[in-house]
C-alpha atoms as a PDB file:
ATOM      1  CA  MET A   1      18.323  17.949  -1.421  1.00  0.00           C
ATOM      2  CA  ILE A   2      18.649  15.972  -4.715  1.00  0.00           C
ATOM      3  CA  LEU A   3      18.093  12.201  -3.544  1.00  0.00           C
ATOM      4  CA  SER A   4      19.059   9.140  -5.596  1.00  0.00           C
ATOM      5  CA  GLN A   5      16.356   6.824  -6.607  1.00  0.00           C
ATOM      6  CA  ALA A   6      17.857   4.159  -4.389  1.00  0.00           C
ATOM      7  CA  VAL A   7      17.572   6.583  -1.316  1.00  0.00           C
ATOM      8  CA  GLU A   8      13.921   7.219  -1.998  1.00  0.00           C
ATOM      9  CA  ASP A   9      13.209   3.695  -2.398  1.00  0.00           C
ATOM     10  CA  TYR A  10      14.829   2.823   0.847  1.00  0.00           C
ATOM     11  CA  VAL A  11      13.038   5.759   2.813  1.00  0.00           C
ATOM     12  CA  LYS A  12       9.466   4.782   1.334  1.00  0.00           C
ATOM     13  CA  THR A  13      10.108   1.229   2.246  1.00  0.00           C
ATOM     14  CA  ILE A  14      11.060   1.763   5.808  1.00  0.00           C
ATOM     15  CA  TYR A  15       8.179   4.257   6.117  1.00  0.00           C
ATOM     16  CA  ARG A  16       5.698   1.635   4.958  1.00  0.00           C
ATOM     17  CA  LEU A  17       6.918  -1.157   6.913  1.00  0.00           C
ATOM     18  CA  GLY A  18       7.113   1.056  10.114  1.00  0.00           C
ATOM     19  CA  ALA A  19       3.418   2.127   9.608  1.00  0.00           C
ATOM     20  CA  GLU A  20       2.478  -1.770   9.125  1.00  0.00           C
ATOM     21  CA  ARG A  21       4.352  -2.363  12.356  1.00  0.00           C
ATOM     22  CA  LYS A  22       2.441   0.461  14.217  1.00  0.00           C
ATOM     23  CA  GLY A  23       5.575   2.668  14.680  1.00  0.00           C
ATOM     24  CA  GLU A  24       8.007  -0.337  15.716  1.00  0.00           C
ATOM     25  CA  GLY A  25      11.432  -0.290  14.392  1.00  0.00           C
ATOM     26  CA  VAL A  26      12.042  -2.249  11.260  1.00  0.00           C
ATOM     27  CA  PRO A  27      14.737  -4.926  11.537  1.00  0.00           C
ATOM     28  CA  THR A  28      17.483  -5.018   8.889  1.00  0.00           C
ATOM     29  CA  LYS A  29      16.306  -8.548   7.580  1.00  0.00           C
ATOM     30  CA  VAL A  30      12.812  -7.431   7.077  1.00  0.00           C
ATOM     31  CA  ILE A  31      13.955  -4.479   4.965  1.00  0.00           C
ATOM     32  CA  ALA A  32      16.383  -6.859   3.136  1.00  0.00           C
ATOM     33  CA  ASP A  33      13.729  -9.423   2.345  1.00  0.00           C
ATOM     34  CA  GLU A  34      11.221  -6.664   1.011  1.00  0.00           C
ATOM     35  CA  MET A  35      13.469  -4.881  -1.292  1.00  0.00           C
ATOM     36  CA  GLY A  36      15.183  -8.122  -2.412  1.00  0.00           C
ATOM     37  CA  VAL A  37      18.832  -7.207  -1.339  1.00  0.00           C
ATOM     38  CA  SER A  38      21.181  -8.412   1.084  1.00  0.00           C
ATOM     39  CA  SER A  39      21.422  -7.462   4.798  1.00  0.00           C
ATOM     40  CA  ALA A  40      24.603  -6.128   4.344  1.00  0.00           C
ATOM     41  CA  SER A  41      23.333  -3.773   1.559  1.00  0.00           C
ATOM     42  CA  VAL A  42      20.719  -2.428   3.930  1.00  0.00           C
ATOM     43  CA  THR A  43      23.138  -1.784   6.821  1.00  0.00           C
ATOM     44  CA  ASN A  44      25.283   0.153   4.543  1.00  0.00           C
ATOM     45  CA  MET A  45      22.343   2.206   3.336  1.00  0.00           C
ATOM     46  CA  ILE A  46      20.782   2.579   6.572  1.00  0.00           C
ATOM     47  CA  LYS A  47      24.074   4.196   8.041  1.00  0.00           C
ATOM     48  CA  ARG A  48      24.231   6.487   4.972  1.00  0.00           C
ATOM     49  CA  LEU A  49      20.301   7.445   5.542  1.00  0.00           C
ATOM     50  CA  ALA A  50      21.060   8.100   9.125  1.00  0.00           C
ATOM     51  CA  GLY A  51      23.926  10.367   8.237  1.00  0.00           C
ATOM     52  CA  MET A  52      21.420  12.273   6.093  1.00  0.00           C
ATOM     53  CA  GLY A  53      19.002  12.612   9.005  1.00  0.00           C
ATOM     54  CA  LEU A  54      16.400  10.604   7.136  1.00  0.00           C
ATOM     55  CA  VAL A  55      16.358   7.428   9.373  1.00  0.00           C
ATOM     56  CA  ARG A  56      17.229   6.759  12.862  1.00  0.00           C
ATOM     57  CA  TYR A  57      18.536   3.044  13.738  1.00  0.00           C
ATOM     58  CA  GLU A  58      19.381   1.306  16.892  1.00  0.00           C
ATOM     59  CA  SER A  59      20.688  -2.423  16.339  1.00  0.00           C
ATOM     60  CA  TYR A  60      18.035  -3.757  18.937  1.00  0.00           C
ATOM     61  CA  SER A  61      14.895  -2.034  17.762  1.00  0.00           C
ATOM     62  CA  GLY A  62      15.417  -1.604  14.043  1.00  0.00           C
ATOM     63  CA  ALA A  63      15.137   1.306  11.708  1.00  0.00           C
ATOM     64  CA  LEU A  64      12.377   4.213  11.542  1.00  0.00           C
ATOM     65  CA  VAL A  65      12.036   7.279   9.351  1.00  0.00           C
ATOM     66  CA  THR A  66      12.695  10.667  10.967  1.00  0.00           C
ATOM     67  CA  LYS A  67      10.372  13.548  10.258  1.00  0.00           C
ATOM     68  CA  ALA A  68      12.402  14.552   7.274  1.00  0.00           C
ATOM     69  CA  GLY A  69      12.271  11.036   5.947  1.00  0.00           C
ATOM     70  CA  ARG A  70       8.722  10.799   6.548  1.00  0.00           C
ATOM     71  CA  LYS A  71       8.019  13.951   4.344  1.00  0.00           C
ATOM     72  CA  ILE A  72      10.266  12.420   1.506  1.00  0.00           C
ATOM     73  CA  ALA A  73       8.241   8.985   1.781  1.00  0.00           C
ATOM     74  CA  LEU A  74       4.949  10.544   1.625  1.00  0.00           C
ATOM     75  CA  GLU A  75       5.614  12.610  -1.193  1.00  0.00           C
ATOM     76  CA  ILE A  76       6.916   9.511  -3.346  1.00  0.00           C
ATOM     77  CA  ILE A  77       3.881   7.471  -2.110  1.00  0.00           C
ATOM     78  CA  ARG A  78       1.682  10.443  -3.338  1.00  0.00           C
ATOM     79  CA  HIS A  79       3.317  10.421  -6.649  1.00  0.00           C
ATOM     80  CA  HIS A  80       2.895   6.695  -6.855  1.00  0.00           C
ATOM     81  CA  ARG A  81      -0.594   6.575  -6.068  1.00  0.00           C
ATOM     82  CA  LEU A  82      -1.791   9.525  -8.119  1.00  0.00           C
ATOM     83  CA  LEU A  83      -0.001   7.851 -11.240  1.00  0.00           C
ATOM     84  CA  GLU A  84      -1.612   4.742 -10.569  1.00  0.00           C
ATOM     85  CA  LEU A  85      -5.033   6.414 -10.592  1.00  0.00           C
ATOM     86  CA  TYR A  86      -4.021   8.426 -13.789  1.00  0.00           C
ATOM     87  CA  LEU A  87      -2.852   5.271 -15.483  1.00  0.00           C
ATOM     88  CA  ALA A  88      -6.076   3.549 -14.856  1.00  0.00           C
ATOM     89  CA  GLU A  89      -8.730   6.226 -15.235  1.00  0.00           C
ATOM     90  CA  VAL A  90      -7.109   8.339 -18.001  1.00  0.00           C
ATOM     91  CA  MET A  91      -4.912   5.813 -19.971  1.00  0.00           C
ATOM     92  CA  GLY A  92      -6.908   2.682 -19.458  1.00  0.00           C
ATOM     93  CA  TYR A  93      -4.527   0.452 -17.745  1.00  0.00           C
ATOM     94  CA  SER A  94      -5.961  -2.302 -15.664  1.00  0.00           C
ATOM     95  CA  TRP A  95      -5.642  -2.330 -12.061  1.00  0.00           C
ATOM     96  CA  ASP A  96      -3.059  -5.165 -12.134  1.00  0.00           C
ATOM     97  CA  GLU A  97      -0.796  -3.232 -14.449  1.00  0.00           C
ATOM     98  CA  VAL A  98      -0.788   0.343 -12.682  1.00  0.00           C
ATOM     99  CA  HIS A  99       1.738  -0.484  -9.713  1.00  0.00           C
ATOM    100  CA  ASP A 100       4.860  -1.649 -11.806  1.00  0.00           C
ATOM    101  CA  GLU A 101       4.490   1.428 -14.255  1.00  0.00           C
ATOM    102  CA  ALA A 102       3.947   3.804 -11.385  1.00  0.00           C
ATOM    103  CA  GLU A 103       6.968   2.459  -9.552  1.00  0.00           C
ATOM    104  CA  ARG A 104       9.210   3.123 -12.819  1.00  0.00           C
ATOM    105  CA  LEU A 105       7.615   6.847 -12.950  1.00  0.00           C
ATOM    106  CA  GLU A 106       7.281   7.849  -9.362  1.00  0.00           C
ATOM    107  CA  HIS A 107      10.830   9.231  -9.134  1.00  0.00           C
ATOM    108  CA  HIS A 108      10.640  11.342 -12.213  1.00  0.00           C
ATOM    109  CA  ILE A 109       7.804  13.344 -12.244  1.00  0.00           C
ATOM    110  CA  SER A 110       7.921  17.227 -11.304  1.00  0.00           C
ATOM    111  CA  GLU A 111       5.783  18.862  -8.546  1.00  0.00           C
ATOM    112  CA  GLN A 112       4.037  20.772 -11.403  1.00  0.00           C
ATOM    113  CA  PHE A 113       3.201  17.496 -13.011  1.00  0.00           C
ATOM    114  CA  GLU A 114       1.938  16.089  -9.750  1.00  0.00           C
ATOM    115  CA  ASP A 115      -0.273  19.099  -9.312  1.00  0.00           C
ATOM    116  CA  ARG A 116      -1.688  18.702 -12.805  1.00  0.00           C
ATOM    117  CA  ILE A 117      -2.455  15.124 -12.172  1.00  0.00           C
ATOM    118  CA  ALA A 118      -4.244  15.968  -9.080  1.00  0.00           C
ATOM    119  CA  GLU A 119      -6.424  18.708 -10.502  1.00  0.00           C
ATOM    120  CA  LEU A 120      -7.315  16.538 -13.726  1.00  0.00           C
ATOM    121  CA  LEU A 121      -8.461  13.573 -11.215  1.00  0.00           C
ATOM    122  CA  ASP A 122     -10.280  16.204  -8.935  1.00  0.00           C
ATOM    123  CA  HIS A 123      -7.946  15.721  -6.081  1.00  0.00           C
ATOM    124  CA  PRO A 124      -8.659  12.055  -5.364  1.00  0.00           C
ATOM    125  CA  THR A 125      -8.005  10.511  -2.027  1.00  0.00           C
ATOM    126  CA  HIS A 126      -7.465   6.946  -2.945  1.00  0.00           C
ATOM    127  CA  ASP A 127      -5.856   4.978  -5.620  1.00  0.00           C
ATOM    128  CA  PRO A 128      -7.383   1.983  -7.665  1.00  0.00           C
ATOM    129  CA  HIS A 129      -6.688  -0.329  -4.827  1.00  0.00           C
ATOM    130  CA  GLY A 130      -8.168   1.611  -2.226  1.00  0.00           C
ATOM    131  CA  ASP A 131      -4.844   2.833  -0.809  1.00  0.00           C
ATOM    132  CA  PRO A 132      -5.094   6.347   0.507  1.00  0.00           C
ATOM    133  CA  ILE A 133      -3.336   9.063  -1.314  1.00  0.00           C
ATOM    134  CA  PRO A 134      -1.327  11.520   0.936  1.00  0.00           C
ATOM    135  CA  SER A 135      -2.211  15.286   0.274  1.00  0.00           C
ATOM    136  CA  LYS A 136      -0.020  17.723  -0.746  1.00  0.00           C
ATOM    137  CA  ASP A 137       0.967  18.793   2.877  1.00  0.00           C
ATOM    138  CA  GLY A 138       1.499  15.068   3.954  1.00  0.00           C
ATOM    139  CA  LEU A 139      -1.828  14.174   5.584  1.00  0.00           C
ATOM    140  CA  ILE A 140      -3.272  10.726   4.977  1.00  0.00           C
ATOM    141  CA  PRO A 141      -6.960  10.207   4.575  1.00  0.00           C
ATOM    142  CA  GLU A 142      -8.168   8.086   7.477  1.00  0.00           C
ATOM    143  CA  ILE A 143     -11.013   5.759   6.894  1.00  0.00           C
ATOM    144  CA  ALA A 144     -12.044   3.065   9.550  1.00  0.00           C
ATOM    145  CA  SER A 145     -11.615  -0.303   8.146  1.00  0.00           C
ATOM    146  CA  LEU A 146     -10.517  -3.778   9.182  1.00  0.00           C
ATOM    147  CA  PRO A 147      -9.221  -6.991   7.381  1.00  0.00           C
ATOM    148  CA  LEU A 148     -11.952  -9.091   6.226  1.00  0.00           C
ATOM    149  CA  THR A 149     -10.772 -11.954   8.634  1.00  0.00           C
ATOM    150  CA  GLU A 150     -11.721  -9.880  11.333  1.00  0.00           C
ATOM    151  CA  ALA A 151     -15.176  -8.683   9.896  1.00  0.00           C
ATOM    152  CA  GLU A 152     -18.465  -9.997  11.271  1.00  0.00           C
ATOM    153  CA  GLU A 153     -20.255 -12.743   9.617  1.00  0.00           C
ATOM    154  CA  LYS A 154     -23.722 -12.512   7.811  1.00  0.00           C
ATOM    155  CA  LYS A 155     -23.332  -8.697   7.985  1.00  0.00           C
ATOM    156  CA  GLU A 156     -23.350  -6.639   4.470  1.00  0.00           C
ATOM    157  CA  LEU A 157     -19.732  -5.322   3.974  1.00  0.00           C
ATOM    158  CA  LEU A 158     -18.010  -2.774   1.561  1.00  0.00           C
ATOM    159  CA  LEU A 159     -14.662  -3.807   0.288  1.00  0.00           C
ATOM    160  CA  ASN A 160     -12.722  -0.659   0.351  1.00  0.00           C
ATOM    161  CA  ARG A 161      -9.043  -1.695   0.065  1.00  0.00           C
ATOM    162  CA  VAL A 162      -6.860  -4.460  -1.367  1.00  0.00           C
ATOM    163  CA  LYS A 163      -3.310  -4.540   0.289  1.00  0.00           C
ATOM    164  CA  ASN A 164      -1.542  -6.533  -2.344  1.00  0.00           C
ATOM    165  CA  GLN A 165       0.044  -5.265  -5.521  1.00  0.00           C
ATOM    166  CA  ASP A 166       0.866  -8.643  -7.015  1.00  0.00           C
ATOM    167  CA  PRO A 167      -0.574  -8.782 -10.452  1.00  0.00           C
ATOM    168  CA  GLU A 168      -1.500 -12.246 -10.757  1.00  0.00           C
ATOM    169  CA  ARG A 169      -3.425 -12.011  -7.411  1.00  0.00           C
ATOM    170  CA  LEU A 170      -5.077  -8.920  -8.310  1.00  0.00           C
ATOM    171  CA  ARG A 171      -6.312 -10.611 -11.627  1.00  0.00           C
ATOM    172  CA  TYR A 172      -7.624 -13.577  -9.570  1.00  0.00           C
ATOM    173  CA  LEU A 173      -9.353 -10.959  -7.147  1.00  0.00           C
ATOM    174  CA  GLU A 174     -11.099  -9.233 -10.334  1.00  0.00           C
ATOM    175  CA  LYS A 175     -12.138 -12.675 -11.676  1.00  0.00           C
ATOM    176  CA  LEU A 176     -13.802 -13.181  -8.259  1.00  0.00           C
ATOM    177  CA  GLY A 177     -15.328  -9.646  -8.394  1.00  0.00           C
ATOM    178  CA  LEU A 178     -13.363  -8.740  -5.138  1.00  0.00           C
ATOM    179  CA  ILE A 179     -12.640  -5.072  -6.287  1.00  0.00           C
ATOM    180  CA  PRO A 180     -12.937  -2.083  -4.139  1.00  0.00           C
ATOM    181  CA  GLY A 181     -16.568  -0.769  -4.064  1.00  0.00           C
ATOM    182  CA  VAL A 182     -18.267  -4.287  -4.213  1.00  0.00           C
ATOM    183  CA  LYS A 183     -20.669  -5.160  -1.325  1.00  0.00           C
ATOM    184  CA  ILE A 184     -19.888  -8.698   0.159  1.00  0.00           C
ATOM    185  CA  ARG A 185     -21.204 -10.961   3.049  1.00  0.00           C
ATOM    186  CA  ILE A 186     -19.149 -13.474   4.976  1.00  0.00           C
ATOM    187  CA  VAL A 187     -21.250 -16.647   4.709  1.00  0.00           C
ATOM    188  CA  GLY A 188     -18.939 -18.641   6.771  1.00  0.00           C
ATOM    189  CA  LYS A 189     -15.249 -18.772   8.376  1.00  0.00           C
ATOM    190  CA  GLU A 190     -13.509 -22.183   8.793  1.00  0.00           C
ATOM    191  CA  PRO A 191     -11.501 -22.329  12.164  1.00  0.00           C
ATOM    192  CA  PHE A 192      -7.785 -22.305  12.481  1.00  0.00           C
ATOM    193  CA  ASP A 193      -7.276 -19.807   9.828  1.00  0.00           C
ATOM    194  CA  GLY A 194      -9.162 -21.841   7.296  1.00  0.00           C
ATOM    195  CA  PRO A 195     -11.032 -20.591   4.261  1.00  0.00           C
ATOM    196  CA  LEU A 196     -13.760 -18.015   4.169  1.00  0.00           C
ATOM    197  CA  THR A 197     -16.888 -18.391   2.198  1.00  0.00           C
ATOM    198  CA  LEU A 198     -18.242 -15.057   0.883  1.00  0.00           C
ATOM    199  CA  GLU A 199     -21.315 -13.970  -1.128  1.00  0.00           C
ATOM    200  CA  ILE A 200     -20.346 -11.588  -3.705  1.00  0.00           C
ATOM    201  CA  GLU A 201     -23.490 -10.005  -5.537  1.00  0.00           C
ATOM    202  CA  GLY A 202     -25.383 -13.072  -5.056  1.00  0.00           C
ATOM    203  CA  LYS A 203     -22.624 -15.767  -5.669  1.00  0.00           C
ATOM    204  CA  LYS A 204     -20.901 -17.670  -3.192  1.00  0.00           C
ATOM    205  CA  GLN A 205     -16.870 -17.907  -3.477  1.00  0.00           C
ATOM    206  CA  VAL A 206     -14.342 -19.500  -1.258  1.00  0.00           C
ATOM    207  CA  ILE A 207     -11.099 -17.807  -0.598  1.00  0.00           C
ATOM    208  CA  SER A 208      -8.006 -18.651   1.582  1.00  0.00           C
ATOM    209  CA  HIS A 209      -7.725 -16.862   4.988  1.00  0.00           C
ATOM    210  CA  ASN A 210      -4.199 -15.462   3.540  1.00  0.00           C
ATOM    211  CA  ILE A 211      -6.157 -13.706   0.854  1.00  0.00           C
ATOM    212  CA  ALA A 212      -8.784 -12.544   2.827  1.00  0.00           C
ATOM    213  CA  SER A 213      -6.368 -10.725   5.418  1.00  0.00           C
ATOM    214  CA  GLN A 214      -5.402  -8.537   2.418  1.00  0.00           C
ATOM    215  CA  LEU A 215      -8.807  -7.341   1.862  1.00  0.00           C
ATOM    216  CA  TYR A 216     -10.026  -4.475   3.906  1.00  0.00           C
ATOM    217  CA  VAL A 217     -13.884  -3.517   4.490  1.00  0.00           C
ATOM    218  CA  LEU A 218     -15.371  -0.312   5.860  1.00  0.00           C
ATOM    219  CA  ILE A 219     -16.262  -0.510   9.566  1.00  0.00           C
ATOM    220  CA  SER A 220     -19.799   0.815   9.934  1.00  0.00           C
END
């Protein structure tokens, strides 16, 4: 089945949002907000996707991808994250540049090209932001991690994932030294979703609760 880029984008977005909602259906408005389109456009596309067997939708519970839709979504996500790593490690792109570039390329590479990238990079499991790269057969590496906001204070932690692709925010995090692989410690947490004070390689930095919620650390 040859799919349009729009179809692939919708399936990928619905899969990702559904995963973040732990399998709950994704409301039309949430999809519209994420993709920057009208709710009417989303409704029309969901009907089309349902007719193709890629999504199932019920007005009271939202949209979820089917088994066929999940397979397509994971293939596109694999393309995207392999491209991000290739752009960073081989072509010298910074981690705040790779997302948009990979977004443009992910729909257009062949399976042979995908295989060549994976082989060149020694079959990696994670992209530059720490996001897992689905395997060729659709399996996702699982590593026990949790948001920094839920981690223990005073304990040494390993930052392994940044769940935000905004270039400006990534540049800010890099300036603070908050990149996957760095060891950090929570020195203090303010109540009521207040800021966190971190120790990053011996230096103290204060970050907002919102930013901290998008940083994931390994569970030991």
